[in-house]
Amino acid sequence: YVSCSPFRVPIARLAAAQAVLNQKK
């Protein structure tokens, strides 16, 4: 799980950022 953590964290951040951008649009 530790090795997967650093990979899933940025992905979740990007998903959240995209959601915010979509809402702004």
Foldseek 3Di string as FASTA:
>chain_A
DVVCVVVVVVVVVVVVVVVVVVVVD
